[in-house]
N, C-alpha and C. Protein backbone atom coordinates (compact mmCIF):
# COMPACT_ATOMS: atom_id res chain seq x y z
N MET A 1 1.24 -1.28 -0.07
CA MET A 1 -0.03 0.11 -0.03
C MET A 1 1.03 1.03 0.14
N LYS A 2 0.51 2.19 -1.11
CA LYS A 2 1.58 3.15 -1.05
C LYS A 2 1.45 4.25 -0.15
N PRO A 3 2.09 4.90 0.73
CA PRO A 3 1.67 5.85 1.65
C PRO A 3 1.21 6.94 1.38
N LYS A 4 0.58 7.67 2.04
CA LYS A 4 0.27 9.03 1.84
C LYS A 4 0.86 10.41 2.21
N ILE A 5 1.66 9.82 3.54
CA ILE A 5 2.54 11.02 3.81
C ILE A 5 3.85 10.02 4.27
N ILE A 6 4.88 10.62 3.48
CA ILE A 6 6.26 10.35 4.24
C ILE A 6 6.61 11.34 5.12
N ILE A 7 7.57 10.64 6.38
CA ILE A 7 7.76 10.99 7.45
C ILE A 7 9.44 10.94 7.64
N PHE A 8 10.00 12.23 7.59
CA PHE A 8 11.47 11.82 7.60
C PHE A 8 12.54 12.57 8.76
N ASP A 9 13.03 11.57 9.60
CA ASP A 9 14.38 12.01 10.43
C ASP A 9 15.01 13.08 9.74
N VAL A 10 15.64 13.82 10.59
CA VAL A 10 16.79 14.83 9.78
C VAL A 10 18.16 14.39 10.22
N ASN A 11 18.39 14.49 11.38
CA ASN A 11 19.85 14.24 11.81
C ASN A 11 20.54 12.81 11.08
N GLU A 12 21.71 12.85 10.54
CA GLU A 12 22.45 11.76 9.63
C GLU A 12 21.30 11.09 8.62
N THR A 13 19.80 11.15 8.62
CA THR A 13 18.98 10.95 7.69
C THR A 13 19.27 11.64 6.03
N LEU A 14 18.61 12.94 6.30
CA LEU A 14 19.11 13.94 5.32
C LEU A 14 20.26 14.97 5.38
N LEU A 15 20.56 15.21 6.77
CA LEU A 15 21.54 16.07 6.59
C LEU A 15 22.92 15.32 7.83
N ASN A 16 24.07 15.77 6.69
CA ASN A 16 25.24 15.09 7.16
C ASN A 16 25.92 15.81 8.94
N LEU A 17 26.01 15.09 9.85
CA LEU A 17 26.76 15.53 11.08
C LEU A 17 28.04 15.57 10.91
N ILE A 18 28.91 15.57 10.15
CA ILE A 18 30.40 15.74 10.23
C ILE A 18 30.58 17.09 10.42
N PRO A 19 30.43 17.96 9.86
CA PRO A 19 30.64 19.49 10.46
C PRO A 19 30.76 19.75 12.22
N LEU A 20 29.53 19.08 12.85
CA LEU A 20 29.37 19.16 13.91
C LEU A 20 30.23 18.07 14.54
N LYS A 21 30.75 17.10 14.04
CA LYS A 21 31.47 16.12 14.78
C LYS A 21 33.00 16.71 14.88
N GLU A 22 33.09 17.30 13.70
CA GLU A 22 34.54 17.97 13.74
C GLU A 22 34.88 19.12 14.76
N GLU A 23 33.69 19.51 15.08
CA GLU A 23 33.60 21.14 15.97
C GLU A 23 33.65 20.41 17.59
N ILE A 24 33.19 19.03 17.68
CA ILE A 24 33.14 18.63 19.01
C ILE A 24 34.49 18.01 18.89
N ASN A 25 34.96 17.44 17.94
CA ASN A 25 36.31 16.64 18.16
C ASN A 25 37.48 17.73 18.66
N ALA A 26 37.25 18.84 17.72
CA ALA A 26 38.07 19.51 17.62
C ALA A 26 38.23 20.22 19.36
N ALA A 27 37.24 20.82 20.06
CA ALA A 27 37.30 21.50 21.31
C ALA A 27 37.54 20.57 22.20
N LEU A 28 37.33 19.05 22.06
CA LEU A 28 37.76 18.01 23.17
C LEU A 28 38.83 17.00 22.93
N GLU A 29 39.43 17.72 21.75
CA GLU A 29 40.82 17.59 21.01
C GLU A 29 40.79 16.31 21.39
N ASN A 30 40.28 15.22 20.87
CA ASN A 30 40.50 13.92 20.55
C ASN A 30 39.08 13.69 19.55
N GLU A 31 39.31 12.42 19.00
CA GLU A 31 38.53 12.09 17.66
C GLU A 31 37.59 11.41 17.78
N MET A 32 37.45 10.43 19.15
CA MET A 32 36.52 10.05 19.55
C MET A 32 35.33 10.76 20.40
N GLY A 33 35.55 12.47 20.43
CA GLY A 33 34.33 13.08 21.30
C GLY A 33 33.45 12.99 20.71
N PHE A 34 32.94 12.75 19.52
CA PHE A 34 31.73 13.29 18.82
C PHE A 34 30.60 11.51 19.52
N ASP A 35 31.59 10.41 19.18
CA ASP A 35 31.07 9.14 19.27
C ASP A 35 30.74 9.21 20.72
N VAL A 36 31.13 9.32 21.88
CA VAL A 36 30.90 9.19 23.06
C VAL A 36 30.25 10.25 23.37
N TRP A 37 29.80 11.77 22.87
CA TRP A 37 28.53 12.54 23.26
C TRP A 37 27.68 12.20 22.97
N PHE A 38 27.52 12.01 21.60
CA PHE A 38 26.15 11.76 20.33
C PHE A 38 25.13 10.65 21.32
N PRO A 39 25.65 9.32 21.35
CA PRO A 39 25.06 8.48 22.27
C PRO A 39 24.45 8.81 23.29
N LYS A 40 25.25 9.17 24.11
CA LYS A 40 24.93 9.63 25.37
C LYS A 40 23.34 10.83 25.34
N LEU A 41 23.76 11.83 24.48
CA LEU A 41 22.60 12.59 24.05
C LEU A 41 21.20 11.83 24.06
N LEU A 42 21.32 10.90 23.36
CA LEU A 42 20.14 9.95 22.66
C LEU A 42 20.00 9.17 23.94
N HIS A 43 21.01 8.95 24.89
CA HIS A 43 20.53 7.72 26.07
C HIS A 43 19.30 8.81 26.79
N TYR A 44 19.87 9.99 27.22
CA TYR A 44 19.10 11.14 28.34
C TYR A 44 17.96 11.49 27.73
N SER A 45 17.99 11.55 26.33
CA SER A 45 16.77 11.81 26.15
C SER A 45 15.67 10.78 26.13
N LEU A 46 15.97 10.01 26.08
CA LEU A 46 15.07 8.58 26.49
C LEU A 46 14.87 8.36 28.25
N VAL A 47 15.98 8.65 28.60
CA VAL A 47 15.90 8.63 30.11
C VAL A 47 14.76 9.37 30.42
N GLU A 48 14.74 10.87 29.56
CA GLU A 48 13.53 11.80 30.27
C GLU A 48 12.09 11.09 29.95
N THR A 49 12.18 10.73 28.88
CA THR A 49 10.52 10.17 28.31
C THR A 49 10.42 8.88 29.23
N THR A 50 11.25 7.96 29.68
CA THR A 50 10.61 7.12 29.74
C THR A 50 10.12 7.16 31.57
N THR A 51 11.03 8.30 32.15
CA THR A 51 11.00 8.60 33.59
C THR A 51 9.76 9.73 33.47
N GLY A 52 9.21 10.16 32.37
CA GLY A 52 7.84 11.23 32.34
C GLY A 52 8.50 12.48 32.49
N GLY A 53 9.45 12.67 32.28
CA GLY A 53 10.05 14.12 32.16
C GLY A 53 9.90 14.72 30.89
N TYR A 54 10.52 16.18 30.74
CA TYR A 54 10.99 16.39 29.45
C TYR A 54 11.89 17.82 29.88
N SER A 55 13.09 17.76 28.96
CA SER A 55 13.74 19.03 28.61
C SER A 55 13.83 18.90 27.20
N ASN A 56 14.39 19.91 26.50
CA ASN A 56 14.39 20.09 25.47
C ASN A 56 15.75 19.54 24.44
N PHE A 57 15.79 19.32 23.61
CA PHE A 57 16.39 18.50 23.27
C PHE A 57 18.16 19.41 23.21
N SER A 58 18.07 20.71 22.88
CA SER A 58 19.29 21.36 22.92
C SER A 58 19.89 21.32 24.15
N GLU A 59 19.36 21.36 25.39
CA GLU A 59 19.22 21.88 27.06
C GLU A 59 19.83 20.13 27.39
N ILE A 60 19.62 19.08 26.88
CA ILE A 60 19.99 17.72 27.07
C ILE A 60 21.25 17.78 26.21
N ALA A 61 21.77 17.99 25.06
CA ALA A 61 22.85 18.08 24.38
C ALA A 61 23.77 19.00 25.18
N ALA A 62 23.23 19.93 25.77
CA ALA A 62 24.08 20.96 26.76
C ALA A 62 24.64 20.19 27.77
N ALA A 63 23.67 19.68 28.70
CA ALA A 63 23.87 18.85 29.88
C ALA A 63 24.81 17.84 29.69
N THR A 64 24.58 16.78 28.83
CA THR A 64 25.65 15.45 27.95
C THR A 64 26.78 16.20 28.04
N PHE A 65 26.76 17.33 26.76
CA PHE A 65 28.69 17.44 26.70
C PHE A 65 28.95 17.91 27.47
N LYS A 66 28.67 18.53 28.93
CA LYS A 66 29.59 18.69 30.04
C LYS A 66 29.53 17.62 30.62
N MET A 67 28.39 16.44 30.53
CA MET A 67 29.16 15.31 31.38
C MET A 67 30.26 14.69 30.70
N ILE A 68 30.42 14.50 29.20
CA ILE A 68 31.42 14.06 28.51
C ILE A 68 32.71 14.48 28.59
N SER A 69 32.31 16.05 28.83
CA SER A 69 33.99 16.73 29.00
C SER A 69 34.52 16.59 29.93
N ASP A 70 34.25 15.94 31.10
CA ASP A 70 35.49 15.52 32.31
C ASP A 70 36.02 14.36 31.85
N LYS A 71 35.45 13.24 31.10
CA LYS A 71 36.02 12.72 30.66
C LYS A 71 37.74 12.68 29.56
N PHE A 72 37.43 14.00 28.93
CA PHE A 72 38.68 15.00 28.34
C PHE A 72 39.27 15.35 29.04
N ASP A 73 38.99 15.58 30.35
CA ASP A 73 39.73 16.58 30.92
C ASP A 73 39.59 18.15 30.61
N LYS A 74 38.62 18.30 29.92
CA LYS A 74 38.17 19.82 30.13
C LYS A 74 37.34 20.39 30.67
N GLU A 75 37.17 21.42 30.28
CA GLU A 75 35.97 22.24 31.20
C GLU A 75 35.44 23.68 30.27
N PHE A 76 34.53 23.30 29.94
CA PHE A 76 33.67 24.62 29.02
C PHE A 76 32.31 25.31 29.80
N SER A 77 32.62 26.67 29.44
CA SER A 77 31.78 27.77 30.23
C SER A 77 30.41 27.20 29.22
N ASP A 78 28.93 27.52 29.82
CA ASP A 78 28.02 27.13 28.94
C ASP A 78 27.63 27.81 27.84
N TYR A 79 28.42 29.41 27.58
CA TYR A 79 28.53 29.88 26.50
C TYR A 79 29.24 28.96 25.31
N GLU A 80 30.54 28.44 26.18
CA GLU A 80 31.71 27.56 25.35
C GLU A 80 30.64 26.77 24.39
N ILE A 81 29.88 25.88 25.26
CA ILE A 81 29.53 24.83 24.74
C ILE A 81 28.33 25.09 23.83
N GLN A 82 27.63 26.50 23.94
CA GLN A 82 26.63 26.63 23.02
C GLN A 82 27.08 27.23 21.75
N ASN A 83 28.26 27.61 21.82
CA ASN A 83 29.00 28.03 20.54
C ASN A 83 29.39 26.65 19.71
N ILE A 84 29.76 25.85 20.50
CA ILE A 84 30.20 24.55 19.97
C ILE A 84 29.18 23.82 19.08
N LEU A 85 28.00 23.62 20.03
CA LEU A 85 27.10 22.75 19.77
C LEU A 85 26.41 23.30 18.47
N SER A 86 26.23 24.96 18.18
CA SER A 86 25.76 26.10 17.30
C SER A 86 25.98 25.01 15.93
N GLU A 87 26.96 24.54 15.41
CA GLU A 87 27.49 23.99 14.06
C GLU A 87 26.14 23.09 13.88
N ILE A 88 25.11 22.66 14.43
CA ILE A 88 24.06 21.43 14.30
C ILE A 88 23.30 22.26 13.46
N THR A 89 23.51 23.83 13.31
CA THR A 89 22.72 24.49 12.54
C THR A 89 22.98 24.72 11.08
N ASN A 90 24.44 24.15 11.03
CA ASN A 90 25.26 24.75 9.91
C ASN A 90 25.84 23.16 9.28
N LEU A 91 24.43 22.16 8.93
CA LEU A 91 24.91 21.31 8.02
C LEU A 91 24.43 21.20 6.82
N PRO A 92 25.47 20.21 5.97
CA PRO A 92 24.93 20.35 4.79
C PRO A 92 24.03 19.03 4.37
N PRO A 93 23.21 18.97 3.34
CA PRO A 93 22.51 17.47 3.18
C PRO A 93 23.13 16.74 2.20
N TYR A 94 22.94 15.29 2.40
CA TYR A 94 23.57 14.63 1.72
C TYR A 94 23.37 14.62 0.18
N PRO A 95 24.29 14.20 -0.69
CA PRO A 95 23.79 14.74 -2.55
C PRO A 95 22.79 13.99 -2.64
N ASP A 96 22.20 13.15 -2.47
CA ASP A 96 20.89 12.30 -2.72
C ASP A 96 19.87 13.20 -1.91
N VAL A 97 19.84 13.73 -1.18
CA VAL A 97 18.62 14.26 -0.25
C VAL A 97 17.73 15.24 -1.27
N LYS A 98 18.21 16.28 -2.22
CA LYS A 98 17.45 17.18 -2.68
C LYS A 98 16.65 16.54 -3.82
N PRO A 99 17.37 16.24 -4.49
CA PRO A 99 16.61 15.28 -5.89
C PRO A 99 15.82 14.22 -5.25
N GLY A 100 16.28 13.45 -4.35
CA GLY A 100 15.31 12.21 -3.73
C GLY A 100 14.20 13.45 -3.27
N LEU A 101 14.32 14.31 -2.68
CA LEU A 101 12.96 14.99 -1.99
C LEU A 101 12.07 15.34 -3.03
N GLU A 102 12.75 15.71 -4.33
CA GLU A 102 12.11 16.60 -5.33
C GLU A 102 11.24 15.65 -6.03
N GLN A 103 11.48 14.59 -6.38
CA GLN A 103 11.05 13.00 -7.17
C GLN A 103 9.85 13.14 -6.51
N LEU A 104 9.94 12.82 -5.08
CA LEU A 104 8.49 12.24 -4.30
C LEU A 104 7.65 13.41 -4.15
N LYS A 105 7.75 14.54 -3.84
CA LYS A 105 7.23 15.86 -3.85
C LYS A 105 6.38 15.85 -5.05
N ASN A 106 7.29 16.02 -6.63
CA ASN A 106 6.32 15.81 -7.75
C ASN A 106 5.66 14.84 -7.98
N GLU A 107 5.94 13.70 -7.32
CA GLU A 107 4.87 12.96 -7.59
C GLU A 107 3.75 12.96 -6.29
N GLY A 108 3.33 13.69 -5.88
CA GLY A 108 2.52 14.20 -4.67
C GLY A 108 2.54 13.53 -3.56
N TYR A 109 3.51 12.99 -3.05
CA TYR A 109 3.86 12.79 -1.78
C TYR A 109 3.70 13.96 -0.53
N LYS A 110 3.31 13.95 0.34
CA LYS A 110 3.30 14.83 1.30
C LYS A 110 4.23 14.16 2.21
N LEU A 111 5.31 15.11 2.21
CA LEU A 111 6.90 14.75 2.71
C LEU A 111 6.79 16.04 4.08
N ILE A 112 6.95 15.45 5.47
CA ILE A 112 7.01 15.81 6.82
C ILE A 112 8.48 15.34 7.20
N ALA A 113 9.20 16.61 8.00
CA ALA A 113 10.12 16.82 8.49
C ALA A 113 10.15 16.57 9.98
N PHE A 114 10.46 15.66 10.58
CA PHE A 114 10.06 15.11 12.02
C PHE A 114 11.30 14.99 12.79
N SER A 115 11.77 15.99 13.79
CA SER A 115 13.03 15.80 15.00
C SER A 115 12.65 15.86 16.07
N ASN A 116 13.74 14.75 16.74
CA ASN A 116 14.25 15.05 18.36
C ASN A 116 14.18 16.62 19.00
N GLY A 117 15.02 17.42 17.74
CA GLY A 117 15.51 18.64 17.97
C GLY A 117 14.72 19.52 18.33
N LYS A 118 14.77 20.93 18.69
CA LYS A 118 13.78 22.44 18.81
C LYS A 118 13.40 22.72 17.81
N PRO A 119 12.27 23.10 17.43
CA PRO A 119 11.57 23.80 16.97
C PRO A 119 12.30 25.18 15.71
N ASP A 120 13.02 25.65 16.78
CA ASP A 120 13.82 26.89 16.06
C ASP A 120 15.08 26.42 15.55
N VAL A 121 15.71 25.19 16.04
CA VAL A 121 16.61 24.28 15.26
C VAL A 121 16.81 23.61 14.27
N LEU A 122 15.40 23.35 14.35
CA LEU A 122 14.76 22.21 12.99
C LEU A 122 15.19 23.02 11.84
N GLU A 123 13.89 24.03 12.14
CA GLU A 123 13.82 25.06 10.90
C GLU A 123 15.14 25.80 10.21
N ALA A 124 15.83 26.08 11.42
CA ALA A 124 16.92 26.92 10.78
C ALA A 124 18.00 25.80 9.98
N GLN A 125 18.04 24.63 10.78
CA GLN A 125 18.53 23.56 10.28
C GLN A 125 18.41 23.27 8.57
N LEU A 126 17.09 23.06 8.25
CA LEU A 126 16.10 22.85 7.19
C LEU A 126 16.92 24.26 5.77
N LYS A 127 16.37 25.12 6.59
CA LYS A 127 16.43 26.28 5.99
C LYS A 127 17.93 26.55 5.69
N PHE A 128 18.75 25.97 6.30
CA PHE A 128 20.51 26.72 6.22
C PHE A 128 20.72 25.21 4.93
N ALA A 129 20.10 24.03 5.00
CA ALA A 129 20.42 23.15 3.90
C ALA A 129 19.45 23.37 2.50
N GLU A 130 18.51 24.49 2.61
CA GLU A 130 17.95 24.72 1.37
C GLU A 130 16.76 23.36 0.96
N ILE A 131 16.55 23.10 2.08
CA ILE A 131 15.37 21.83 1.81
C ILE A 131 13.94 22.03 2.46
N ASP A 132 13.97 23.03 3.05
CA ASP A 132 12.78 23.59 3.86
C ASP A 132 11.57 23.26 3.13
N SER A 133 11.59 24.08 1.72
CA SER A 133 10.52 24.22 1.05
C SER A 133 9.63 22.80 0.48
N TYR A 134 10.15 21.51 0.84
CA TYR A 134 9.80 20.29 0.21
C TYR A 134 8.90 19.81 0.72
N PHE A 135 9.18 20.52 2.09
CA PHE A 135 7.99 19.63 3.46
C PHE A 135 6.98 20.23 3.54
N VAL A 136 5.57 19.82 3.48
CA VAL A 136 4.14 20.30 3.86
C VAL A 136 4.32 20.55 5.05
N GLY A 137 4.98 20.04 6.43
CA GLY A 137 4.88 19.96 7.62
C GLY A 137 6.18 19.82 8.16
N ILE A 138 6.58 20.48 9.11
CA ILE A 138 8.21 21.08 9.94
C ILE A 138 7.76 20.53 11.31
N HIS A 139 7.90 19.40 12.09
CA HIS A 139 7.67 19.43 13.61
C HIS A 139 8.55 18.66 14.10
N SER A 140 8.47 19.03 15.58
CA SER A 140 9.56 18.65 16.72
C SER A 140 8.92 18.02 17.40
N VAL A 141 9.09 16.91 18.10
CA VAL A 141 8.86 15.70 19.10
C VAL A 141 8.69 17.03 20.21
N GLU A 142 8.85 18.16 20.55
CA GLU A 142 8.56 19.14 21.64
C GLU A 142 7.16 19.21 21.55
N GLU A 143 6.46 19.30 20.24
CA GLU A 143 5.05 19.22 20.20
C GLU A 143 3.80 18.54 21.05
N VAL A 144 4.55 17.29 21.21
CA VAL A 144 3.96 16.03 22.25
C VAL A 144 4.84 15.69 23.45
N LYS A 145 6.13 16.43 23.19
CA LYS A 145 6.81 15.91 24.88
C LYS A 145 7.55 14.32 25.33
N LYS A 146 7.47 13.59 23.95
CA LYS A 146 7.77 12.20 23.60
C LYS A 146 8.61 12.47 23.16
N TYR A 147 10.16 11.79 23.24
CA TYR A 147 10.90 11.86 22.44
C TYR A 147 10.73 10.42 21.56
N LYS A 148 11.42 10.32 20.20
CA LYS A 148 10.99 9.15 19.22
C LYS A 148 12.18 8.62 20.20
N PRO A 149 12.28 7.08 19.85
CA PRO A 149 11.12 6.13 19.35
C PRO A 149 9.86 6.16 20.06
N HIS A 150 9.51 6.79 21.45
CA HIS A 150 8.33 6.36 22.15
C HIS A 150 7.03 6.39 21.08
N PRO A 151 5.87 5.32 21.15
CA PRO A 151 5.03 5.37 20.04
C PRO A 151 3.96 6.50 19.70
N GLU A 152 3.80 7.18 21.43
CA GLU A 152 3.15 8.65 21.24
C GLU A 152 3.68 9.80 20.18
N SER A 153 5.13 10.04 19.78
CA SER A 153 5.82 10.59 19.18
C SER A 153 4.80 10.63 17.64
N TYR A 154 4.83 9.26 17.04
CA TYR A 154 4.56 8.73 15.88
C TYR A 154 3.05 8.93 15.61
N ARG A 155 2.42 8.75 16.65
CA ARG A 155 0.86 8.83 16.44
C ARG A 155 0.50 10.03 16.55
N TYR A 156 1.31 10.96 17.23
CA TYR A 156 0.98 12.83 16.96
C TYR A 156 0.68 13.13 15.51
N ILE A 157 2.11 12.56 14.89
CA ILE A 157 1.83 12.88 13.23
C ILE A 157 0.75 12.48 12.54
N LEU A 158 0.67 10.78 13.17
CA LEU A 158 -0.71 10.40 12.15
C LEU A 158 -2.14 10.73 12.79
N LYS A 159 -1.96 11.50 13.44
CA LYS A 159 -3.31 12.23 14.29
C LYS A 159 -3.47 13.74 13.58
N LYS A 160 -2.14 14.35 13.58
CA LYS A 160 -2.39 15.72 13.18
C LYS A 160 -2.61 15.23 11.48
N TYR A 161 -2.23 14.52 10.95
CA TYR A 161 -2.60 14.35 9.67
C TYR A 161 -3.31 13.38 8.98
N GLN A 162 -4.30 12.88 10.05
CA GLN A 162 -5.16 12.43 9.71
C GLN A 162 -5.22 11.08 9.40
N VAL A 163 -4.07 10.53 9.47
CA VAL A 163 -3.68 9.31 8.35
C VAL A 163 -3.86 7.69 9.36
N THR A 164 -4.02 6.80 8.90
CA THR A 164 -4.06 5.13 9.58
C THR A 164 -2.14 5.15 9.62
N PRO A 165 -2.09 4.39 10.28
CA PRO A 165 -0.34 3.67 10.46
C PRO A 165 -0.21 2.89 9.12
N LYS A 166 -0.82 2.45 8.46
CA LYS A 166 -0.41 1.69 7.48
C LYS A 166 -0.38 3.09 5.96
N ARG A 167 -0.67 3.95 6.01
CA ARG A 167 -0.58 5.05 5.21
C ARG A 167 0.65 6.23 5.38
N ALA A 168 1.33 5.81 6.22
CA ALA A 168 2.59 6.62 6.60
C ALA A 168 3.76 5.85 6.72
N MET A 169 4.91 6.23 6.22
CA MET A 169 6.09 5.49 6.13
C MET A 169 7.42 6.73 6.84
N MET A 170 7.85 5.91 8.11
CA MET A 170 8.75 6.70 8.44
C MET A 170 10.41 6.18 7.61
N VAL A 171 11.17 7.40 7.03
CA VAL A 171 12.47 7.38 6.62
C VAL A 171 13.51 7.71 7.39
N ALA A 172 14.01 6.85 8.12
CA ALA A 172 15.43 7.13 9.12
C ALA A 172 16.78 6.41 8.84
N ALA A 173 17.57 6.70 9.02
CA ALA A 173 18.99 5.49 9.12
C ALA A 173 19.65 5.53 10.72
N HIS A 174 18.69 5.64 11.75
CA HIS A 174 18.87 5.18 12.83
C HIS A 174 18.12 4.09 13.06
N SER A 175 18.42 2.41 13.47
CA SER A 175 18.09 1.58 13.84
C SER A 175 16.76 1.75 14.72
N TRP A 176 17.03 2.72 15.72
CA TRP A 176 15.75 2.88 16.98
C TRP A 176 14.64 3.79 16.69
N ASP A 177 15.03 4.56 15.53
CA ASP A 177 13.81 5.24 15.01
C ASP A 177 12.96 4.39 14.04
N ILE A 178 13.46 3.26 13.24
CA ILE A 178 12.98 2.19 12.20
C ILE A 178 11.93 1.08 13.37
N ILE A 179 12.88 0.65 14.32
CA ILE A 179 11.78 -0.05 15.50
C ILE A 179 10.74 0.67 16.02
N GLY A 180 10.70 1.82 16.39
CA GLY A 180 10.11 2.93 17.07
C GLY A 180 8.89 2.64 15.99
N ALA A 181 8.86 3.42 14.55
CA ALA A 181 7.79 3.41 13.97
C ALA A 181 7.03 2.07 13.52
N LYS A 182 7.99 1.44 13.50
CA LYS A 182 7.57 -0.10 12.77
C LYS A 182 6.66 -0.87 13.89
N ARG A 183 6.99 -0.72 15.40
CA ARG A 183 6.15 -0.91 16.51
C ARG A 183 5.14 0.06 16.52
N ALA A 184 4.81 0.76 16.14
CA ALA A 184 3.78 1.34 16.50
C ALA A 184 3.01 1.65 14.66
N LYS A 185 3.26 0.66 14.04
CA LYS A 185 2.39 -0.10 12.98
C LYS A 185 2.52 0.66 11.53
N LEU A 186 3.39 1.76 11.86
CA LEU A 186 3.96 2.75 10.42
C LEU A 186 4.74 1.89 9.31
N GLN A 187 4.67 1.83 8.23
CA GLN A 187 5.81 1.49 7.43
C GLN A 187 6.88 2.16 7.53
N THR A 188 8.27 1.40 7.18
CA THR A 188 9.15 1.97 7.35
C THR A 188 10.29 1.99 6.56
N CYS A 189 11.24 2.36 6.24
CA CYS A 189 12.48 2.75 5.35
C CYS A 189 13.73 3.19 5.77
N PHE A 190 14.65 2.20 5.82
CA PHE A 190 15.64 2.76 6.48
C PHE A 190 16.73 2.97 5.59
N VAL A 191 17.78 4.09 5.86
CA VAL A 191 18.23 4.65 4.93
C VAL A 191 19.86 4.15 5.41
N GLU A 192 20.69 3.52 4.44
CA GLU A 192 22.18 3.22 4.92
C GLU A 192 23.10 4.03 4.69
N ARG A 193 22.74 5.20 5.55
CA ARG A 193 24.16 5.81 5.93
C ARG A 193 25.73 5.43 6.36
N PRO A 194 26.64 5.79 6.08
CA PRO A 194 27.82 5.23 6.53
C PRO A 194 27.96 4.86 8.23
N GLU A 195 28.17 3.73 8.54
CA GLU A 195 28.48 3.73 10.15
C GLU A 195 26.76 3.03 10.28
N LYS A 196 26.00 3.00 9.57
CA LYS A 196 24.48 2.64 10.33
C LYS A 196 24.16 1.56 10.08
N THR A 197 23.62 0.56 10.87
CA THR A 197 23.61 -0.95 10.60
C THR A 197 21.96 -1.09 11.69
N LEU A 198 21.45 -2.01 11.25
CA LEU A 198 19.87 -2.58 11.68
C LEU A 198 20.24 -3.53 13.13
N TYR A 199 19.41 -3.28 13.61
CA TYR A 199 19.14 -3.81 15.30
C TYR A 199 18.55 -5.38 15.08
N GLU A 200 19.59 -6.45 14.82
CA GLU A 200 19.14 -7.89 14.61
C GLU A 200 17.90 -8.54 15.03
N LEU A 201 17.48 -8.36 16.04
CA LEU A 201 16.59 -8.63 17.20
C LEU A 201 15.26 -8.22 16.88
N ALA A 202 14.90 -7.01 15.92
CA ALA A 202 13.53 -6.11 16.00
C ALA A 202 13.17 -6.61 14.39
N GLU A 203 12.22 -6.42 14.03
CA GLU A 203 11.62 -6.54 13.14
C GLU A 203 12.41 -5.74 11.88
N LYS A 204 12.46 -6.32 11.05
CA LYS A 204 13.48 -5.52 9.76
C LYS A 204 12.40 -4.45 9.08
N PRO A 205 12.80 -3.56 8.41
CA PRO A 205 12.24 -2.34 7.84
C PRO A 205 11.50 -2.81 6.94
N ASP A 206 10.90 -2.27 5.93
CA ASP A 206 9.57 -2.54 4.55
C ASP A 206 10.37 -2.63 3.88
N ILE A 207 11.44 -1.37 3.68
CA ILE A 207 12.46 -1.11 2.84
C ILE A 207 13.55 -0.81 3.04
N SER A 208 14.59 -0.74 2.41
CA SER A 208 16.03 -0.32 2.57
C SER A 208 16.60 0.41 1.67
N VAL A 209 16.99 1.53 1.93
CA VAL A 209 17.86 2.29 0.29
C VAL A 209 19.24 2.85 0.82
N THR A 210 19.91 3.08 -0.02
CA THR A 210 21.55 3.62 0.41
C THR A 210 20.95 5.14 -0.02
N GLY A 211 20.13 5.51 -0.32
CA GLY A 211 19.87 6.95 -0.31
C GLY A 211 18.50 7.68 -1.05
N ILE A 212 17.93 8.64 -0.57
CA ILE A 212 16.56 9.25 -1.01
C ILE A 212 16.14 9.08 -2.54
N THR A 213 17.20 9.11 -2.92
CA THR A 213 16.56 8.97 -4.31
C THR A 213 15.84 7.64 -4.96
N GLU A 214 16.27 6.64 -4.30
CA GLU A 214 15.71 5.18 -4.48
C GLU A 214 14.25 4.97 -3.62
N ILE A 215 13.93 5.86 -3.05
CA ILE A 215 12.49 5.80 -2.15
C ILE A 215 11.64 5.65 -3.50
N LEU A 216 11.78 6.59 -4.47
CA LEU A 216 10.12 6.40 -5.03
C LEU A 216 10.44 5.32 -5.73
N GLU A 217 11.24 4.81 -6.49
CA GLU A 217 11.19 3.52 -7.30
C GLU A 217 10.68 2.21 -6.15
N GLN A 218 10.97 2.24 -4.77
CA GLN A 218 10.69 1.26 -4.00
C GLN A 218 9.34 1.28 -4.04
N ILE A 219 8.95 2.41 -3.70
CA ILE A 219 7.17 2.45 -2.95
C ILE A 219 6.32 2.29 -4.29
N GLY A 220 7.12 2.70 -5.58
CA GLY A 220 6.04 2.93 -6.66
C GLY A 220 5.84 1.24 -7.46
């Protein structure tokens, strides 16, 4: 069944995090800095959701960066951390993103961006990458205050666009996002970005692609 809406994760699915990775590694003077920080950011966003709390993604990002800085014998002011992490709004899209989104939009699919990030950060990201015009909706989990992959985050989008799970597809490069959407009964598309792999104990995605330009052919 063809989806009526296609929901896109943003970071690492559409946008390349390399500039942020380089900024963090330079600040920590260690090539493993980003790889230590990013999983901790995701971990504590889930801690917030599973324990019934909520802090926005930027606040969690700063707090977890401060936590891991100690591991690298570094100390930063809040202002310095904010400047380091502000590189998140200057990320380029992967080369396949613009042509892939254009194909889907031209075929009449409603495209939606859905991120764990703050609304203002998300909008700044998509505008900088020059892909904001492809989406009929740009949404943050801040609207529901449940971080992906909590099922309620996906159900919020379904309700907003008045579609059943079977008529929606979640596109992501993160296995945990695919698992969440799949278990909320959405169709799923895994994007095989560098170093991204599936979790073998979970259900497989409906389709897998190496780039956004492959999605139209797969669902067509």
